Amino acid sequence: MGHVPAWFTGQLWLPTNGLANLTPGQGAFWLTIGSFGLPLLTLGLLVGWLGRRGTVPPTFVAWMLGGWGTLGAALLEPTPFILTWVPAVMLLRAARKSA
């Protein structure tokens, strides 16, 4: 939390050290608000909301999620990126079942 005030002073704009040498404040941003955690949580909430209404998300959502996880796993090991295939397969099975 100590890095948050610096985020509002422009520290994140055009990093002087480049993206390869992040400061601790910049790293903290990318590990929290700048990560994919919030968008994935939003996607999960949306899929759950659609499911409770009997609507199955389109299959491209599952394929994009699985593809992103595969790319992440290929670029960074060890990583849990490959686990994105668990919800992707579940979404694909639901789409097949509803068709």
PDB file of N, CA and C in Angstrom:
ATOM      1  N   MET A   1       0.819  -1.195   0.000  1.00  0.00           N
ATOM      2  CA  MET A   1       0.000   0.000   0.000  1.00  0.00           C
ATOM      3  C   MET A   1       0.863   1.258   0.000  1.00  0.00           C
ATOM      4  N   GLY A   2       2.111   1.126   0.370  1.00  0.00           N
ATOM      5  CA  GLY A   2       2.973   2.297   0.421  1.00  0.00           C
ATOM      6  C   GLY A   2       3.292   2.875  -0.941  1.00  0.00           C
ATOM      7  N   HIS A   3       3.113   2.084  -2.005  1.00  0.00           N
ATOM      8  CA  HIS A   3       3.419   2.543  -3.357  1.00  0.00           C
ATOM      9  C   HIS A   3       2.256   3.297  -4.002  1.00  0.00           C
ATOM     10  N   VAL A   4       1.063   3.138  -3.473  1.00  0.00           N
ATOM     11  CA  VAL A   4      -0.127   3.704  -4.109  1.00  0.00           C
ATOM     12  C   VAL A   4      -0.039   5.220  -4.287  1.00  0.00           C
ATOM     13  N   PRO A   5       0.382   5.991  -3.306  1.00  0.00           N
ATOM     14  CA  PRO A   5       0.446   7.443  -3.524  1.00  0.00           C
ATOM     15  C   PRO A   5       1.338   7.835  -4.708  1.00  0.00           C
ATOM     16  N   ALA A   6       2.420   7.108  -4.925  1.00  0.00           N
ATOM     17  CA  ALA A   6       3.327   7.434  -6.039  1.00  0.00           C
ATOM     18  C   ALA A   6       2.661   7.196  -7.385  1.00  0.00           C
ATOM     19  N   TRP A   7       1.706   6.275  -7.449  1.00  0.00           N
ATOM     20  CA  TRP A   7       1.016   5.995  -8.706  1.00  0.00           C
ATOM     21  C   TRP A   7       0.280   7.233  -9.208  1.00  0.00           C
ATOM     22  N   PHE A   8      -0.179   8.076  -8.293  1.00  0.00           N
ATOM     23  CA  PHE A   8      -0.956   9.253  -8.665  1.00  0.00           C
ATOM     24  C   PHE A   8      -0.084  10.479  -8.936  1.00  0.00           C
ATOM     25  N   THR A   9       1.230  10.305  -8.884  1.00  0.00           N
ATOM     26  CA  THR A   9       2.145  11.413  -9.183  1.00  0.00           C
ATOM     27  C   THR A   9       2.772  11.267 -10.558  1.00  0.00           C
ATOM     28  N   GLY A  10       2.345  10.279 -11.321  1.00  0.00           N
ATOM     29  CA  GLY A  10       2.876  10.093 -12.664  1.00  0.00           C
ATOM     30  C   GLY A  10       4.055   9.144 -12.727  1.00  0.00           C
ATOM     31  N   GLN A  11       4.368   8.460 -11.636  1.00  0.00           N
ATOM     32  CA  GLN A  11       5.512   7.542 -11.604  1.00  0.00           C
ATOM     33  C   GLN A  11       5.387   6.432 -12.649  1.00  0.00           C
ATOM     34  N   LEU A  12       4.170   6.057 -12.988  1.00  0.00           N
ATOM     35  CA  LEU A  12       3.967   4.950 -13.915  1.00  0.00           C
ATOM     36  C   LEU A  12       4.084   5.378 -15.376  1.00  0.00           C
ATOM     37  N   TRP A  13       4.087   6.661 -15.628  1.00  0.00           N
ATOM     38  CA  TRP A  13       4.125   7.159 -17.010  1.00  0.00           C
ATOM     39  C   TRP A  13       5.552   7.167 -17.517  1.00  0.00           C
ATOM     40  N   LEU A  14       5.767   6.611 -18.687  1.00  0.00           N
ATOM     41  CA  LEU A  14       7.070   6.605 -19.347  1.00  0.00           C
ATOM     42  C   LEU A  14       8.200   6.290 -18.359  1.00  0.00           C
ATOM     43  N   PRO A  15       8.287   5.053 -17.878  1.00  0.00           N
ATOM     44  CA  PRO A  15       9.307   4.710 -16.877  1.00  0.00           C
ATOM     45  C   PRO A  15      10.719   5.010 -17.395  1.00  0.00           C
ATOM     46  N   THR A  16      11.496   5.711 -16.584  1.00  0.00           N
ATOM     47  CA  THR A  16      12.845   6.117 -16.997  1.00  0.00           C
ATOM     48  C   THR A  16      13.762   4.911 -17.175  1.00  0.00           C
ATOM     49  N   ASN A  17      13.527   3.847 -16.433  1.00  0.00           N
ATOM     50  CA  ASN A  17      14.356   2.651 -16.541  1.00  0.00           C
ATOM     51  C   ASN A  17      13.849   1.693 -17.609  1.00  0.00           C
ATOM     52  N   GLY A  18      12.775   2.047 -18.281  1.00  0.00           N
ATOM     53  CA  GLY A  18      12.175   1.136 -19.249  1.00  0.00           C
ATOM     54  C   GLY A  18      11.343   0.080 -18.542  1.00  0.00           C
ATOM     55  N   LEU A  19      10.724  -0.772 -19.316  1.00  0.00           N
ATOM     56  CA  LEU A  19       9.881  -1.817 -18.729  1.00  0.00           C
ATOM     57  C   LEU A  19      10.684  -3.013 -18.229  1.00  0.00           C
ATOM     58  N   ALA A  20      11.948  -3.094 -18.607  1.00  0.00           N
ATOM     59  CA  ALA A  20      12.771  -4.224 -18.171  1.00  0.00           C
ATOM     60  C   ALA A  20      13.268  -4.049 -16.745  1.00  0.00           C
ATOM     61  N   ASN A  21      13.373  -2.822 -16.262  1.00  0.00           N
ATOM     62  CA  ASN A  21      13.880  -2.551 -14.909  1.00  0.00           C
ATOM     63  C   ASN A  21      12.870  -1.721 -14.141  1.00  0.00           C
ATOM     64  N   LEU A  22      11.796  -2.363 -13.719  1.00  0.00           N
ATOM     65  CA  LEU A  22      10.736  -1.640 -13.014  1.00  0.00           C
ATOM     66  C   LEU A  22      11.158  -1.300 -11.596  1.00  0.00           C
ATOM     67  N   THR A  23      10.686  -0.159 -11.132  1.00  0.00           N
ATOM     68  CA  THR A  23      10.887   0.195  -9.731  1.00  0.00           C
ATOM     69  C   THR A  23       9.923  -0.646  -8.892  1.00  0.00           C
ATOM     70  N   PRO A  24      10.137  -0.737  -7.593  1.00  0.00           N
ATOM     71  CA  PRO A  24       9.192  -1.490  -6.760  1.00  0.00           C
ATOM     72  C   PRO A  24       7.758  -0.975  -6.865  1.00  0.00           C
ATOM     73  N   GLY A  25       7.578   0.334  -7.010  1.00  0.00           N
ATOM     74  CA  GLY A  25       6.237   0.889  -7.153  1.00  0.00           C
ATOM     75  C   GLY A  25       5.581   0.461  -8.457  1.00  0.00           C
ATOM     76  N   GLN A  26       6.358   0.436  -9.533  1.00  0.00           N
ATOM     77  CA  GLN A  26       5.827  -0.006 -10.825  1.00  0.00           C
ATOM     78  C   GLN A  26       5.512  -1.500 -10.790  1.00  0.00           C
ATOM     79  N   GLY A  27       6.379  -2.272 -10.180  1.00  0.00           N
ATOM     80  CA  GLY A  27       6.124  -3.707 -10.051  1.00  0.00           C
ATOM     81  C   GLY A  27       4.875  -3.983  -9.232  1.00  0.00           C
ATOM     82  N   ALA A  28       4.690  -3.217  -8.161  1.00  0.00           N
ATOM     83  CA  ALA A  28       3.497  -3.389  -7.335  1.00  0.00           C
ATOM     84  C   ALA A  28       2.234  -3.103  -8.137  1.00  0.00           C
ATOM     85  N   PHE A  29       2.286  -2.104  -9.022  1.00  0.00           N
ATOM     86  CA  PHE A  29       1.126  -1.806  -9.861  1.00  0.00           C
ATOM     87  C   PHE A  29       0.794  -2.998 -10.759  1.00  0.00           C
ATOM     88  N   TRP A  30       1.809  -3.536 -11.447  1.00  0.00           N
ATOM     89  CA  TRP A  30       1.558  -4.625 -12.392  1.00  0.00           C
ATOM     90  C   TRP A  30       1.164  -5.916 -11.694  1.00  0.00           C
ATOM     91  N   LEU A  31       1.479  -6.055 -10.422  1.00  0.00           N
ATOM     92  CA  LEU A  31       1.071  -7.245  -9.679  1.00  0.00           C
ATOM     93  C   LEU A  31      -0.300  -7.091  -9.029  1.00  0.00           C
ATOM     94  N   THR A  32      -0.885  -5.905  -9.090  1.00  0.00           N
ATOM     95  CA  THR A  32      -2.193  -5.687  -8.471  1.00  0.00           C
ATOM     96  C   THR A  32      -3.187  -5.174  -9.517  1.00  0.00           C
ATOM     97  N   ILE A  33      -3.385  -3.888  -9.594  1.00  0.00           N
ATOM     98  CA  ILE A  33      -4.383  -3.301 -10.487  1.00  0.00           C
ATOM     99  C   ILE A  33      -4.064  -3.571 -11.955  1.00  0.00           C
ATOM    100  N   GLY A  34      -2.795  -3.583 -12.324  1.00  0.00           N
ATOM    101  CA  GLY A  34      -2.408  -3.782 -13.712  1.00  0.00           C
ATOM    102  C   GLY A  34      -2.392  -5.225 -14.163  1.00  0.00           C
ATOM    103  N   SER A  35      -2.676  -6.152 -13.268  1.00  0.00           N
ATOM    104  CA  SER A  35      -2.653  -7.575 -13.632  1.00  0.00           C
ATOM    105  C   SER A  35      -3.948  -7.969 -14.339  1.00  0.00           C
ATOM    106  N   PHE A  36      -4.019  -9.212 -14.741  1.00  0.00           N
ATOM    107  CA  PHE A  36      -5.229  -9.703 -15.388  1.00  0.00           C
ATOM    108  C   PHE A  36      -6.224 -10.271 -14.374  1.00  0.00           C
ATOM    109  N   GLY A  37      -5.937 -10.122 -13.090  1.00  0.00           N
ATOM    110  CA  GLY A  37      -6.818 -10.652 -12.056  1.00  0.00           C
ATOM    111  C   GLY A  37      -8.217 -10.051 -12.087  1.00  0.00           C
ATOM    112  N   LEU A  38      -8.311  -8.737 -12.163  1.00  0.00           N
ATOM    113  CA  LEU A  38      -9.623  -8.089 -12.163  1.00  0.00           C
ATOM    114  C   LEU A  38     -10.425  -8.387 -13.428  1.00  0.00           C
ATOM    115  N   PRO A  39      -9.808  -8.342 -14.625  1.00  0.00           N
ATOM    116  CA  PRO A  39     -10.595  -8.706 -15.805  1.00  0.00           C
ATOM    117  C   PRO A  39     -11.057 -10.166 -15.779  1.00  0.00           C
ATOM    118  N   LEU A  40     -10.215 -11.070 -15.266  1.00  0.00           N
ATOM    119  CA  LEU A  40     -10.633 -12.474 -15.201  1.00  0.00           C
ATOM    120  C   LEU A  40     -11.731 -12.679 -14.165  1.00  0.00           C
ATOM    121  N   LEU A  41     -11.671 -11.951 -13.074  1.00  0.00           N
ATOM    122  CA  LEU A  41     -12.752 -12.017 -12.091  1.00  0.00           C
ATOM    123  C   LEU A  41     -14.051 -11.509 -12.715  1.00  0.00           C
ATOM    124  N   THR A  42     -13.969 -10.426 -13.461  1.00  0.00           N
ATOM    125  CA  THR A  42     -15.149  -9.889 -14.143  1.00  0.00           C
ATOM    126  C   THR A  42     -15.707 -10.900 -15.134  1.00  0.00           C
ATOM    127  N   LEU A  43     -14.837 -11.551 -15.903  1.00  0.00           N
ATOM    128  CA  LEU A  43     -15.279 -12.575 -16.848  1.00  0.00           C
ATOM    129  C   LEU A  43     -15.963 -13.731 -16.118  1.00  0.00           C
ATOM    130  N   GLY A  44     -15.382 -14.168 -15.018  1.00  0.00           N
ATOM    131  CA  GLY A  44     -15.989 -15.246 -14.245  1.00  0.00           C
ATOM    132  C   GLY A  44     -17.356 -14.869 -13.700  1.00  0.00           C
ATOM    133  N   LEU A  45     -17.480 -13.647 -13.198  1.00  0.00           N
ATOM    134  CA  LEU A  45     -18.780 -13.189 -12.696  1.00  0.00           C
ATOM    135  C   LEU A  45     -19.801 -13.103 -13.823  1.00  0.00           C
ATOM    136  N   LEU A  46     -19.363 -12.647 -14.997  1.00  0.00           N
ATOM    137  CA  LEU A  46     -20.259 -12.561 -16.148  1.00  0.00           C
ATOM    138  C   LEU A  46     -20.733 -13.945 -16.590  1.00  0.00           C
ATOM    139  N   VAL A  47     -19.813 -14.891 -16.671  1.00  0.00           N
ATOM    140  CA  VAL A  47     -20.182 -16.260 -17.073  1.00  0.00           C
ATOM    141  C   VAL A  47     -21.148 -16.870 -16.060  1.00  0.00           C
ATOM    142  N   GLY A  48     -20.884 -16.659 -14.771  1.00  0.00           N
ATOM    143  CA  GLY A  48     -21.798 -17.161 -13.747  1.00  0.00           C
ATOM    144  C   GLY A  48     -23.171 -16.525 -13.844  1.00  0.00           C
ATOM    145  N   TRP A  49     -23.205 -15.235 -14.084  1.00  0.00           N
ATOM    146  CA  TRP A  49     -24.464 -14.503 -14.226  1.00  0.00           C
ATOM    147  C   TRP A  49     -25.241 -15.022 -15.429  1.00  0.00           C
ATOM    148  N   LEU A  50     -24.554 -15.209 -16.557  1.00  0.00           N
ATOM    149  CA  LEU A  50     -25.215 -15.750 -17.744  1.00  0.00           C
ATOM    150  C   LEU A  50     -25.731 -17.165 -17.489  1.00  0.00           C
ATOM    151  N   GLY A  51     -24.926 -17.974 -16.811  1.00  0.00           N
ATOM    152  CA  GLY A  51     -25.324 -19.351 -16.518  1.00  0.00           C
ATOM    153  C   GLY A  51     -26.581 -19.439 -15.671  1.00  0.00           C
ATOM    154  N   ARG A  52     -26.704 -18.558 -14.699  1.00  0.00           N
ATOM    155  CA  ARG A  52     -27.905 -18.566 -13.851  1.00  0.00           C
ATOM    156  C   ARG A  52     -29.150 -18.177 -14.644  1.00  0.00           C
ATOM    157  N   ARG A  53     -28.970 -17.532 -15.766  1.00  0.00           N
ATOM    158  CA  ARG A  53     -30.096 -17.153 -16.615  1.00  0.00           C
ATOM    159  C   ARG A  53     -30.283 -18.109 -17.790  1.00  0.00           C
ATOM    160  N   GLY A  54     -29.518 -19.183 -17.788  1.00  0.00           N
ATOM    161  CA  GLY A  54     -29.661 -20.196 -18.827  1.00  0.00           C
ATOM    162  C   GLY A  54     -29.010 -19.848 -20.152  1.00  0.00           C
ATOM    163  N   THR A  55     -28.112 -18.873 -20.160  1.00  0.00           N
ATOM    164  CA  THR A  55     -27.431 -18.470 -21.383  1.00  0.00           C
ATOM    165  C   THR A  55     -25.995 -18.970 -21.355  1.00  0.00           C
ATOM    166  N   VAL A  56     -25.582 -19.596 -22.431  1.00  0.00           N
ATOM    167  CA  VAL A  56     -24.202 -20.089 -22.524  1.00  0.00           C
ATOM    168  C   VAL A  56     -23.382 -19.065 -23.299  1.00  0.00           C
ATOM    169  N   PRO A  57     -22.217 -18.670 -22.767  1.00  0.00           N
ATOM    170  CA  PRO A  57     -21.376 -17.718 -23.496  1.00  0.00           C
ATOM    171  C   PRO A  57     -20.911 -18.310 -24.832  1.00  0.00           C
ATOM    172  N   PRO A  58     -20.595 -17.478 -25.806  1.00  0.00           N
ATOM    173  CA  PRO A  58     -20.121 -17.996 -27.089  1.00  0.00           C
ATOM    174  C   PRO A  58     -18.795 -18.732 -26.930  1.00  0.00           C
ATOM    175  N   THR A  59     -18.544 -19.686 -27.825  1.00  0.00           N
ATOM    176  CA  THR A  59     -17.351 -20.527 -27.708  1.00  0.00           C
ATOM    177  C   THR A  59     -16.055 -19.740 -27.879  1.00  0.00           C
ATOM    178  N   PHE A  60     -16.102 -18.590 -28.552  1.00  0.00           N
ATOM    179  CA  PHE A  60     -14.856 -17.842 -28.718  1.00  0.00           C
ATOM    180  C   PHE A  60     -14.292 -17.390 -27.373  1.00  0.00           C
ATOM    181  N   VAL A  61     -15.148 -17.219 -26.361  1.00  0.00           N
ATOM    182  CA  VAL A  61     -14.666 -16.854 -25.025  1.00  0.00           C
ATOM    183  C   VAL A  61     -13.776 -17.969 -24.489  1.00  0.00           C
ATOM    184  N   ALA A  62     -14.229 -19.208 -24.624  1.00  0.00           N
ATOM    185  CA  ALA A  62     -13.444 -20.350 -24.151  1.00  0.00           C
ATOM    186  C   ALA A  62     -12.143 -20.493 -24.928  1.00  0.00           C
ATOM    187  N   TRP A  63     -12.207 -20.356 -26.251  1.00  0.00           N
ATOM    188  CA  TRP A  63     -10.999 -20.502 -27.070  1.00  0.00           C
ATOM    189  C   TRP A  63      -9.986 -19.395 -26.787  1.00  0.00           C
ATOM    190  N   MET A  64     -10.446 -18.190 -26.597  1.00  0.00           N
ATOM    191  CA  MET A  64      -9.534 -17.083 -26.285  1.00  0.00           C
ATOM    192  C   MET A  64      -8.891 -17.268 -24.914  1.00  0.00           C
ATOM    193  N   LEU A  65      -9.680 -17.693 -23.937  1.00  0.00           N
ATOM    194  CA  LEU A  65      -9.159 -17.943 -22.603  1.00  0.00           C
ATOM    195  C   LEU A  65      -8.112 -19.059 -22.633  1.00  0.00           C
ATOM    196  N   GLY A  66      -8.423 -20.150 -23.315  1.00  0.00           N
ATOM    197  CA  GLY A  66      -7.479 -21.261 -23.417  1.00  0.00           C
ATOM    198  C   GLY A  66      -6.226 -20.883 -24.191  1.00  0.00           C
ATOM    199  N   GLY A  67      -6.394 -20.136 -25.261  1.00  0.00           N
ATOM    200  CA  GLY A  67      -5.237 -19.701 -26.043  1.00  0.00           C
ATOM    201  C   GLY A  67      -4.329 -18.780 -25.260  1.00  0.00           C
ATOM    202  N   TRP A  68      -4.927 -17.865 -24.499  1.00  0.00           N
ATOM    203  CA  TRP A  68      -4.143 -16.958 -23.662  1.00  0.00           C
ATOM    204  C   TRP A  68      -3.358 -17.743 -22.616  1.00  0.00           C
ATOM    205  N   GLY A  69      -4.008 -18.738 -22.005  1.00  0.00           N
ATOM    206  CA  GLY A  69      -3.331 -19.563 -21.011  1.00  0.00           C
ATOM    207  C   GLY A  69      -2.196 -20.379 -21.612  1.00  0.00           C
ATOM    208  N   THR A  70      -2.411 -20.898 -22.815  1.00  0.00           N
ATOM    209  CA  THR A  70      -1.366 -21.674 -23.485  1.00  0.00           C
ATOM    210  C   THR A  70      -0.161 -20.793 -23.818  1.00  0.00           C
ATOM    211  N   LEU A  71      -0.415 -19.608 -24.344  1.00  0.00           N
ATOM    212  CA  LEU A  71       0.669 -18.683 -24.662  1.00  0.00           C
ATOM    213  C   LEU A  71       1.428 -18.290 -23.396  1.00  0.00           C
ATOM    214  N   GLY A  72       0.697 -17.971 -22.342  1.00  0.00           N
ATOM    215  CA  GLY A  72       1.345 -17.612 -21.083  1.00  0.00           C
ATOM    216  C   GLY A  72       2.189 -18.741 -20.528  1.00  0.00           C
ATOM    217  N   ALA A  73       1.690 -19.973 -20.629  1.00  0.00           N
ATOM    218  CA  ALA A  73       2.437 -21.131 -20.136  1.00  0.00           C
ATOM    219  C   ALA A  73       3.677 -21.392 -20.982  1.00  0.00           C
ATOM    220  N   ALA A  74       3.589 -21.134 -22.282  1.00  0.00           N
ATOM    221  CA  ALA A  74       4.744 -21.346 -23.150  1.00  0.00           C
ATOM    222  C   ALA A  74       5.836 -20.304 -22.898  1.00  0.00           C
ATOM    223  N   LEU A  75       5.437 -19.104 -22.509  1.00  0.00           N
ATOM    224  CA  LEU A  75       6.401 -18.028 -22.307  1.00  0.00           C
ATOM    225  C   LEU A  75       6.982 -17.981 -20.900  1.00  0.00           C
ATOM    226  N   LEU A  76       6.262 -18.504 -19.929  1.00  0.00           N
ATOM    227  CA  LEU A  76       6.683 -18.371 -18.534  1.00  0.00           C
ATOM    228  C   LEU A  76       6.473 -19.688 -17.813  1.00  0.00           C
ATOM    229  N   GLU A  77       7.551 -20.323 -17.439  1.00  0.00           N
ATOM    230  CA  GLU A  77       7.467 -21.563 -16.662  1.00  0.00           C
ATOM    231  C   GLU A  77       8.346 -21.435 -15.440  1.00  0.00           C
ATOM    232  N   PRO A  78       7.972 -21.997 -14.320  1.00  0.00           N
ATOM    233  CA  PRO A  78       6.693 -22.634 -14.024  1.00  0.00           C
ATOM    234  C   PRO A  78       5.627 -21.579 -13.768  1.00  0.00           C
ATOM    235  N   THR A  79       4.427 -21.893 -14.191  1.00  0.00           N
ATOM    236  CA  THR A  79       3.315 -20.954 -14.045  1.00  0.00           C
ATOM    237  C   THR A  79       1.991 -21.713 -14.045  1.00  0.00           C
ATOM    238  N   PRO A  80       0.984 -21.189 -13.410  1.00  0.00           N
ATOM    239  CA  PRO A  80      -0.332 -21.837 -13.457  1.00  0.00           C
ATOM    240  C   PRO A  80      -1.170 -21.421 -14.655  1.00  0.00           C
ATOM    241  N   PHE A  81      -0.574 -20.720 -15.630  1.00  0.00           N
ATOM    242  CA  PHE A  81      -1.331 -20.267 -16.798  1.00  0.00           C
ATOM    243  C   PHE A  81      -2.110 -21.396 -17.463  1.00  0.00           C
ATOM    244  N   ILE A  82      -1.533 -22.573 -17.528  1.00  0.00           N
ATOM    245  CA  ILE A  82      -2.168 -23.685 -18.245  1.00  0.00           C
ATOM    246  C   ILE A  82      -3.506 -24.061 -17.602  1.00  0.00           C
ATOM    247  N   LEU A  83      -3.700 -23.695 -16.351  1.00  0.00           N
ATOM    248  CA  LEU A  83      -4.956 -24.004 -15.666  1.00  0.00           C
ATOM    249  C   LEU A  83      -6.138 -23.216 -16.224  1.00  0.00           C
ATOM    250  N   THR A  84      -5.876 -22.239 -17.079  1.00  0.00           N
ATOM    251  CA  THR A  84      -6.994 -21.533 -17.701  1.00  0.00           C
ATOM    252  C   THR A  84      -7.796 -22.466 -18.601  1.00  0.00           C
ATOM    253  N   TRP A  85      -7.210 -23.634 -18.945  1.00  0.00           N
ATOM    254  CA  TRP A  85      -7.942 -24.596 -19.759  1.00  0.00           C
ATOM    255  C   TRP A  85      -9.060 -25.277 -18.973  1.00  0.00           C
ATOM    256  N   VAL A  86      -8.991 -25.258 -17.651  1.00  0.00           N
ATOM    257  CA  VAL A  86     -10.073 -25.861 -16.860  1.00  0.00           C
ATOM    258  C   VAL A  86     -11.390 -25.131 -17.119  1.00  0.00           C
ATOM    259  N   PRO A  87     -11.471 -23.807 -16.891  1.00  0.00           N
ATOM    260  CA  PRO A  87     -12.734 -23.138 -17.210  1.00  0.00           C
ATOM    261  C   PRO A  87     -13.017 -23.102 -18.711  1.00  0.00           C
ATOM    262  N   ALA A  88     -11.969 -23.070 -19.541  1.00  0.00           N
ATOM    263  CA  ALA A  88     -12.193 -23.055 -20.989  1.00  0.00           C
ATOM    264  C   ALA A  88     -12.894 -24.333 -21.438  1.00  0.00           C
ATOM    265  N   VAL A  89     -12.428 -25.476 -20.939  1.00  0.00           N
ATOM    266  CA  VAL A  89     -13.069 -26.754 -21.297  1.00  0.00           C
ATOM    267  C   VAL A  89     -14.485 -26.814 -20.753  1.00  0.00           C
ATOM    268  N   MET A  90     -14.683 -26.291 -19.551  1.00  0.00           N
ATOM    269  CA  MET A  90     -16.032 -26.278 -18.989  1.00  0.00           C
ATOM    270  C   MET A  90     -16.974 -25.439 -19.855  1.00  0.00           C
ATOM    271  N   LEU A  91     -16.490 -24.299 -20.346  1.00  0.00           N
ATOM    272  CA  LEU A  91     -17.307 -23.460 -21.210  1.00  0.00           C
ATOM    273  C   LEU A  91     -17.584 -24.143 -22.549  1.00  0.00           C
ATOM    274  N   LEU A  92     -16.585 -24.831 -23.104  1.00  0.00           N
ATOM    275  CA  LEU A  92     -16.767 -25.543 -24.362  1.00  0.00           C
ATOM    276  C   LEU A  92     -17.785 -26.685 -24.211  1.00  0.00           C
ATOM    277  N   ARG A  93     -17.712 -27.411 -23.097  1.00  0.00           N
ATOM    278  CA  ARG A  93     -18.661 -28.495 -22.846  1.00  0.00           C
ATOM    279  C   ARG A  93     -20.080 -27.960 -22.680  1.00  0.00           C
ATOM    280  N   ALA A  94     -20.203 -26.831 -21.996  1.00  0.00           N
ATOM    281  CA  ALA A  94     -21.528 -26.232 -21.818  1.00  0.00           C
ATOM    282  C   ALA A  94     -22.101 -25.783 -23.151  1.00  0.00           C
ATOM    283  N   ALA A  95     -21.248 -25.223 -24.014  1.00  0.00           N
ATOM    284  CA  ALA A  95     -21.721 -24.790 -25.337  1.00  0.00           C
ATOM    285  C   ALA A  95     -22.152 -25.980 -26.173  1.00  0.00           C
ATOM    286  N   ARG A  96     -21.392 -27.059 -26.093  1.00  0.00           N
ATOM    287  CA  ARG A  96     -21.739 -28.263 -26.869  1.00  0.00           C
ATOM    288  C   ARG A  96     -23.044 -28.868 -26.359  1.00  0.00           C
ATOM    289  N   LYS A  97     -23.188 -28.874 -25.055  1.00  0.00           N
ATOM    290  CA  LYS A  97     -24.384 -29.442 -24.434  1.00  0.00           C
ATOM    291  C   LYS A  97     -25.643 -28.651 -24.808  1.00  0.00           C
ATOM    292  N   SER A  98     -25.490 -27.328 -24.921  1.00  0.00           N
ATOM    293  CA  SER A  98     -26.651 -26.482 -25.213  1.00  0.00           C
ATOM    294  C   SER A  98     -27.005 -26.455 -26.698  1.00  0.00           C
ATOM    295  N   ALA A  99     -26.095 -26.908 -27.533  1.00  0.00           N
ATOM    296  CA  ALA A  99     -26.331 -26.856 -28.989  1.00  0.00           C
ATOM    297  C   ALA A  99     -27.275 -27.946 -29.455  1.00  0.00           C
TER     298      ALA A  99
END
